[in-house]
Protein backbone atom coordinates (compact mmCIF):
# COMPACT_ATOMS: atom_id res chain seq x y z
CA MET A 1 64.43 53.96 114.58
CA ALA A 2 64.21 50.14 113.49
CA ALA A 3 66.64 49.03 110.83
CA SER A 4 65.12 48.46 107.75
CA PRO A 5 66.52 44.99 106.28
CA GLY A 6 68.58 44.98 103.27
CA PRO A 7 67.30 43.77 100.07
CA SER A 8 66.67 39.88 99.60
CA VAL A 9 69.14 38.55 98.34
CA PRO A 10 68.53 35.11 96.10
CA PRO A 11 69.77 31.79 96.98
CA PRO A 12 73.19 31.19 94.81
CA GLY A 13 71.73 29.61 91.65
CA ILE A 14 72.87 28.06 88.53
CA THR A 15 72.65 29.76 84.93
CA VAL A 16 71.88 27.70 81.93
CA SER A 17 70.23 28.15 78.25
CA CYS A 18 67.80 25.53 77.74
CA PRO A 19 69.12 23.39 75.22
CA HIS A 20 65.30 23.04 73.01
CA CYS A 21 64.53 27.03 72.58
CA GLY A 22 67.59 28.74 73.79
CA VAL A 23 66.14 31.22 76.57
CA ALA A 24 68.66 31.98 79.89
CA LEU A 25 67.07 30.24 82.89
CA GLN A 26 68.37 30.79 86.69
CA ILE A 27 68.16 27.19 88.24
CA PRO A 28 67.99 27.10 92.34
CA ALA A 29 71.73 25.11 93.19
CA SER A 30 69.54 22.68 94.94
CA GLN A 31 68.29 21.66 91.58
CA ALA A 32 72.03 20.66 90.04
CA GLY A 33 71.96 17.31 88.13
CA ALA A 34 68.10 16.91 88.17
CA ILE A 35 65.90 16.64 85.68
CA CYS A 36 63.96 20.41 84.97
CA ALA A 37 61.57 21.75 82.65
CA CYS A 38 62.00 24.80 80.48
CA PRO A 39 59.24 27.01 81.55
CA VAL A 40 58.85 28.83 77.93
CA CYS A 41 58.87 25.60 76.04
CA GLN A 42 58.27 22.75 78.37
CA GLY A 43 61.54 21.49 76.99
CA LYS A 44 63.23 18.25 79.56
CA PHE A 45 66.84 19.04 80.01
CA GLN A 46 69.46 17.84 82.94
CA ALA A 47 70.77 20.83 85.08
CA PRO A 48 74.21 21.23 84.68
CA VAL A 49 76.03 20.47 88.21
CA PRO A 50 79.15 22.53 88.69
CA SER A 51 82.50 21.80 89.12
CA ALA A 52 82.68 23.34 92.69
CA MET A 53 79.90 21.37 93.87
CA MET A 54 81.32 17.83 93.13
CA PRO A 55 83.16 16.83 96.01
CA GLY A 56 86.96 16.20 95.68
CA MET A 57 86.86 18.38 91.77
CA GLY A 58 89.38 20.91 91.71
CA PRO A 59 90.28 23.02 88.46
CA GLY A 60 91.73 20.00 86.36
CA GLY A 61 89.46 17.48 85.05
CA PRO A 62 86.37 17.05 83.82
CA PRO A 63 83.92 16.44 86.98
CA PRO A 64 82.76 12.64 87.40
CA LEU A 65 79.23 11.68 85.40
CA PRO A 66 76.60 10.73 88.13
CA PRO A 67 75.86 6.73 88.54
CA HIS A 68 72.42 6.82 86.79
CA VAL A 69 74.19 8.94 83.74
CA ARG A 70 77.37 6.44 83.79
CA ASP A 71 74.69 3.43 83.70
CA PHE A 72 72.93 4.62 80.89
CA VAL A 73 76.23 5.91 79.11
CA SER A 74 77.69 2.93 79.07
CA LYS A 75 74.95 1.23 77.10
CA LYS A 76 76.41 4.11 74.63
CA THR A 77 78.90 1.46 72.44
CA ALA A 78 76.76 -1.49 72.12
CA ALA A 79 74.04 0.22 71.07
CA GLY A 80 76.21 2.21 68.39
CA VAL A 81 77.80 -0.87 67.01
CA CYS A 82 74.63 -3.04 67.11
CA GLY A 83 72.92 -0.08 64.71
CA ILE A 84 75.71 -0.60 63.00
CA LEU A 85 75.91 -3.97 62.62
CA LEU A 86 72.24 -4.94 63.08
CA GLY A 87 70.39 -1.79 62.12
CA GLY A 88 67.74 -2.92 60.44
CA LEU A 89 66.56 -5.32 63.42
CA GLY A 90 66.58 -2.40 65.79
CA ILE A 91 68.56 -4.29 68.51
CA HIS A 92 69.87 -1.16 69.28
CA LYS A 93 66.53 0.77 70.09
CA PHE A 94 66.02 -2.40 72.74
CA ILE A 95 69.36 -1.55 74.06
CA LEU A 96 68.44 1.82 75.24
CA GLY A 97 64.89 0.80 76.37
CA LEU A 98 63.25 2.65 73.33
CA THR A 99 61.10 -0.32 72.99
CA SER A 100 58.63 0.88 70.45
CA ALA A 101 61.14 2.08 68.06
CA GLY A 102 62.89 -1.33 68.07
CA VAL A 103 59.51 -3.32 67.53
CA ILE A 104 58.82 -1.02 64.28
CA MET A 105 62.17 -1.66 63.30
CA LEU A 106 62.06 -5.65 63.87
CA LEU A 107 58.72 -5.72 61.93
CA VAL A 108 59.25 -3.63 59.08
CA SER A 109 62.28 -5.25 58.39
CA LEU A 110 60.72 -8.76 58.74
CA VAL A 111 57.51 -7.91 57.20
CA GLY A 112 59.33 -6.08 54.57
CA LEU A 113 61.43 -8.89 53.57
CA VAL A 114 58.81 -10.73 51.98
CA CYS A 115 56.31 -7.88 51.08
CA THR A 116 58.91 -5.57 49.21
CA MET A 117 61.61 -7.91 48.08
CA GLY A 118 63.99 -6.43 50.94
CA ILE A 119 63.94 -2.72 50.26
CA SER A 120 62.47 -2.29 53.43
CA THR A 121 65.01 -4.20 55.37
CA LEU A 122 67.54 -1.91 53.45
CA VAL A 123 65.72 0.81 54.28
CA MET A 124 66.12 -0.46 57.90
CA SER A 125 69.48 -1.16 58.00
CA VAL A 126 70.77 2.01 56.63
CA ILE A 127 68.61 4.25 59.16
CA GLY A 128 70.61 1.68 62.29
CA LEU A 129 73.85 2.65 60.13
CA VAL A 130 73.26 6.42 60.43
CA GLU A 131 71.56 5.80 63.90
CA GLY A 132 74.86 3.85 65.05
CA ILE A 133 77.18 6.47 63.97
CA ILE A 134 75.30 9.06 65.36
CA TYR A 135 75.03 7.39 69.07
CA LEU A 136 79.15 6.70 68.97
CA SER A 137 79.66 10.81 67.90
CA LYS A 138 77.95 11.85 70.66
CA SER A 139 79.57 12.92 74.21
CA ASP A 140 78.47 11.35 77.06
CA GLU A 141 76.34 14.26 78.09
CA ASP A 142 74.69 14.87 75.10
CA PHE A 143 74.01 11.09 74.40
CA TYR A 144 72.13 10.95 78.30
CA GLN A 145 70.72 13.89 77.23
CA THR A 146 68.81 12.76 74.10
CA TYR A 147 68.08 9.48 74.63
CA ALA A 148 67.86 9.09 78.29
CA VAL A 149 65.88 12.39 79.26
CA GLU A 150 64.57 13.31 76.18
CA LYS A 151 63.49 9.73 75.01
CA ARG A 152 64.54 10.49 71.40
CA GLN A 153 63.28 7.55 69.30
CA TRP A 154 64.56 8.43 65.71
CA PHE A 155 68.03 9.87 64.90
């Protein structure tokens, strides 16, 4: 009598919640750190990297950010300060690579300076101020998720 194979054991995975719709997802461990799409809402997010998978990481401290995340997050302070000081010109958008939103802010500010006697420039400056504060108050992971992965243009 041949022995029947035991139940199929799925490869170890990571359980996460979609940041967009909240559904619980099982992601293969091989996808840790990769950009994934939720099968329910199609929202994009970065799969977390468990600290056990990080080389040299023990229980005492946060895992280091991958180099591509670190490079993008290094722009956070510059974008936040430019948003607060030069928000109406959209410089903070250009720093993050959000060119179309930067061009819109710049054109609305400059054209509106003449056509609306500066009212639209004031509005764009307030938007830049708010966005600069938002940039500086986000965690590095949330900043990366929002502006690099999702490429959110406004607020």
